[in-house]
Amino acid sequence: MLKNIIIIFFYLILFGCENIKNNQIIDNEQKFNFKSQVNLYSNEEKKIIKKFFSFSNHENLARQNVKYICSKFIITNNLEDINCKYMGTKLTEKILTSLN
């Protein structure tokens, strides 16, 4: 019985934290003008390991920050055969709703 309660509690914490991360991205879309994305790829398996987002009011700053975040992640975790691929910069909800 206690084991089941611990497992349920673990899943609630795990999925609850994921919702907080998603809400944080939505909040940033309302504050900033541009959103950049970089995907971390494994060279061997050719699949996405992690996605990085950066928000800024200037397109160039968003691009530079997201590339820096990805390269810093590789260095701090001592990863090899990993590649950061820049996916582009998009307008956020703040700009898209103001254009309408």
C-alpha atoms as a PDB file:
ATOM      1  CA  MET A   1       0.000   0.000   0.000  1.00  0.00           C
ATOM      2  CA  LEU A   2       2.747   2.449   0.952  1.00  0.00           C
ATOM      3  CA  LYS A   3       4.690   1.474  -2.159  1.00  0.00           C
ATOM      4  CA  ASN A   4       1.715   2.358  -4.378  1.00  0.00           C
ATOM      5  CA  ILE A   5       1.285   5.730  -2.672  1.00  0.00           C
ATOM      6  CA  ILE A   6       4.968   6.554  -3.229  1.00  0.00           C
ATOM      7  CA  ILE A   7       4.716   5.612  -6.911  1.00  0.00           C
ATOM      8  CA  ILE A   8       1.593   7.753  -7.395  1.00  0.00           C
ATOM      9  CA  PHE A   9       3.248  10.665  -5.599  1.00  0.00           C
ATOM     10  CA  PHE A  10       6.344  10.316  -7.835  1.00  0.00           C
ATOM     11  CA  TYR A  11       4.223  10.458 -11.016  1.00  0.00           C
ATOM     12  CA  LEU A  12       2.308  13.491  -9.765  1.00  0.00           C
ATOM     13  CA  ILE A  13       5.555  15.354  -9.148  1.00  0.00           C
ATOM     14  CA  LEU A  14       6.995  14.291 -12.507  1.00  0.00           C
ATOM     15  CA  PHE A  15       4.001  15.334 -14.603  1.00  0.00           C
ATOM     16  CA  GLY A  16       3.327  18.448 -12.518  1.00  0.00           C
ATOM     17  CA  CYS A  17       6.822  19.791 -13.266  1.00  0.00           C
ATOM     18  CA  GLU A  18       6.281  19.273 -17.000  1.00  0.00           C
ATOM     19  CA  ASN A  19       3.179  21.464 -16.877  1.00  0.00           C
ATOM     20  CA  ILE A  20       5.131  24.203 -15.106  1.00  0.00           C
ATOM     21  CA  LYS A  21       7.751  24.184 -17.896  1.00  0.00           C
ATOM     22  CA  ASN A  22       5.050  24.443 -20.573  1.00  0.00           C
ATOM     23  CA  ASN A  23       3.395  27.339 -18.752  1.00  0.00           C
ATOM     24  CA  GLN A  24       6.734  29.128 -18.501  1.00  0.00           C
ATOM     25  CA  ILE A  25       7.179  28.959 -22.281  1.00  0.00           C
ATOM     26  CA  ILE A  26       3.660  30.340 -22.802  1.00  0.00           C
ATOM     27  CA  ASP A  27       4.374  33.192 -20.373  1.00  0.00           C
ATOM     28  CA  ASN A  28       7.586  34.057 -22.221  1.00  0.00           C
ATOM     29  CA  GLU A  29       5.657  34.161 -25.507  1.00  0.00           C
ATOM     30  CA  GLN A  30       3.560  36.983 -24.050  1.00  0.00           C
ATOM     31  CA  LYS A  31       6.589  38.986 -22.839  1.00  0.00           C
ATOM     32  CA  PHE A  32       9.081  38.801 -25.717  1.00  0.00           C
ATOM     33  CA  ASN A  33       8.986  39.394 -29.473  1.00  0.00           C
ATOM     34  CA  PHE A  34      11.107  36.492 -30.811  1.00  0.00           C
ATOM     35  CA  LYS A  35      11.554  32.800 -29.979  1.00  0.00           C
ATOM     36  CA  SER A  36      14.566  30.796 -31.197  1.00  0.00           C
ATOM     37  CA  GLN A  37      14.927  27.038 -31.112  1.00  0.00           C
ATOM     38  CA  VAL A  38      17.917  24.695 -31.236  1.00  0.00           C
ATOM     39  CA  ASN A  39      17.614  20.907 -31.283  1.00  0.00           C
ATOM     40  CA  LEU A  40      20.316  18.691 -29.800  1.00  0.00           C
ATOM     41  CA  TYR A  41      20.878  15.737 -32.132  1.00  0.00           C
ATOM     42  CA  SER A  42      22.761  12.500 -31.666  1.00  0.00           C
ATOM     43  CA  ASN A  43      25.064  11.917 -34.643  1.00  0.00           C
ATOM     44  CA  GLU A  44      24.776   8.127 -34.326  1.00  0.00           C
ATOM     45  CA  GLU A  45      21.014   7.726 -33.924  1.00  0.00           C
ATOM     46  CA  LYS A  46      19.922  10.870 -35.830  1.00  0.00           C
ATOM     47  CA  LYS A  47      17.217  11.676 -33.285  1.00  0.00           C
ATOM     48  CA  ILE A  48      16.416  14.706 -31.143  1.00  0.00           C
ATOM     49  CA  ILE A  49      17.754  14.446 -27.603  1.00  0.00           C
ATOM     50  CA  LYS A  50      16.652  17.814 -26.236  1.00  0.00           C
ATOM     51  CA  LYS A  51      15.093  21.071 -27.448  1.00  0.00           C
ATOM     52  CA  PHE A  52      16.305  24.473 -26.284  1.00  0.00           C
ATOM     53  CA  PHE A  53      14.314  27.698 -26.524  1.00  0.00           C
ATOM     54  CA  SER A  54      15.411  31.287 -26.032  1.00  0.00           C
ATOM     55  CA  PHE A  55      13.249  34.390 -25.954  1.00  0.00           C
ATOM     56  CA  SER A  56      14.289  37.975 -26.604  1.00  0.00           C
ATOM     57  CA  ASN A  57      12.987  41.270 -27.929  1.00  0.00           C
ATOM     58  CA  HIS A  58      15.700  41.197 -30.627  1.00  0.00           C
ATOM     59  CA  GLU A  59      16.022  38.396 -33.167  1.00  0.00           C
ATOM     60  CA  ASN A  60      19.825  38.332 -33.143  1.00  0.00           C
ATOM     61  CA  LEU A  61      20.010  38.077 -29.337  1.00  0.00           C
ATOM     62  CA  ALA A  62      17.531  35.186 -29.274  1.00  0.00           C
ATOM     63  CA  ARG A  63      19.603  33.314 -31.867  1.00  0.00           C
ATOM     64  CA  GLN A  64      22.910  33.877 -30.064  1.00  0.00           C
ATOM     65  CA  ASN A  65      21.500  32.955 -26.652  1.00  0.00           C
ATOM     66  CA  VAL A  66      19.949  29.678 -27.759  1.00  0.00           C
ATOM     67  CA  LYS A  67      23.150  28.569 -29.520  1.00  0.00           C
ATOM     68  CA  TYR A  68      25.136  29.443 -26.391  1.00  0.00           C
ATOM     69  CA  ILE A  69      22.738  27.499 -24.147  1.00  0.00           C
ATOM     70  CA  CYS A  70      23.059  24.388 -26.319  1.00  0.00           C
ATOM     71  CA  SER A  71      26.846  24.498 -26.541  1.00  0.00           C
ATOM     72  CA  LYS A  72      27.112  25.080 -22.796  1.00  0.00           C
ATOM     73  CA  PHE A  73      24.875  22.045 -22.185  1.00  0.00           C
ATOM     74  CA  ILE A  74      27.216  19.888 -24.290  1.00  0.00           C
ATOM     75  CA  ILE A  75      30.299  21.145 -22.427  1.00  0.00           C
ATOM     76  CA  THR A  76      28.860  20.779 -18.912  1.00  0.00           C
ATOM     77  CA  ASN A  77      27.609  17.224 -19.567  1.00  0.00           C
ATOM     78  CA  ASN A  78      30.776  16.126 -21.452  1.00  0.00           C
ATOM     79  CA  LEU A  79      28.777  14.842 -24.412  1.00  0.00           C
ATOM     80  CA  GLU A  80      30.441  13.504 -27.543  1.00  0.00           C
ATOM     81  CA  ASP A  81      28.985  12.822 -31.004  1.00  0.00           C
ATOM     82  CA  ILE A  82      26.284  15.386 -30.323  1.00  0.00           C
ATOM     83  CA  ASN A  83      25.326  18.237 -32.639  1.00  0.00           C
ATOM     84  CA  CYS A  84      23.336  21.452 -32.067  1.00  0.00           C
ATOM     85  CA  LYS A  85      21.151  22.364 -35.029  1.00  0.00           C
ATOM     86  CA  TYR A  86      19.590  25.828 -35.207  1.00  0.00           C
ATOM     87  CA  MET A  87      15.935  25.505 -36.188  1.00  0.00           C
ATOM     88  CA  GLY A  88      15.121  29.178 -36.663  1.00  0.00           C
ATOM     89  CA  THR A  89      13.552  32.200 -35.048  1.00  0.00           C
ATOM     90  CA  LYS A  90       9.807  32.758 -34.944  1.00  0.00           C
ATOM     91  CA  LEU A  91       7.581  35.627 -33.920  1.00  0.00           C
ATOM     92  CA  THR A  92       5.902  35.070 -30.561  1.00  0.00           C
ATOM     93  CA  GLU A  93       2.237  35.362 -29.682  1.00  0.00           C
ATOM     94  CA  LYS A  94       2.824  38.936 -28.526  1.00  0.00           C
ATOM     95  CA  ILE A  95       3.683  40.058 -32.060  1.00  0.00           C
ATOM     96  CA  LEU A  96       1.252  37.774 -33.896  1.00  0.00           C
ATOM     97  CA  THR A  97      -1.743  38.987 -31.915  1.00  0.00           C
ATOM     98  CA  SER A  98      -0.743  42.636 -32.296  1.00  0.00           C
ATOM     99  CA  LEU A  99      -0.508  42.221 -36.102  1.00  0.00           C
ATOM    100  CA  ASN A 100      -4.147  41.136 -36.281  1.00  0.00           C
END
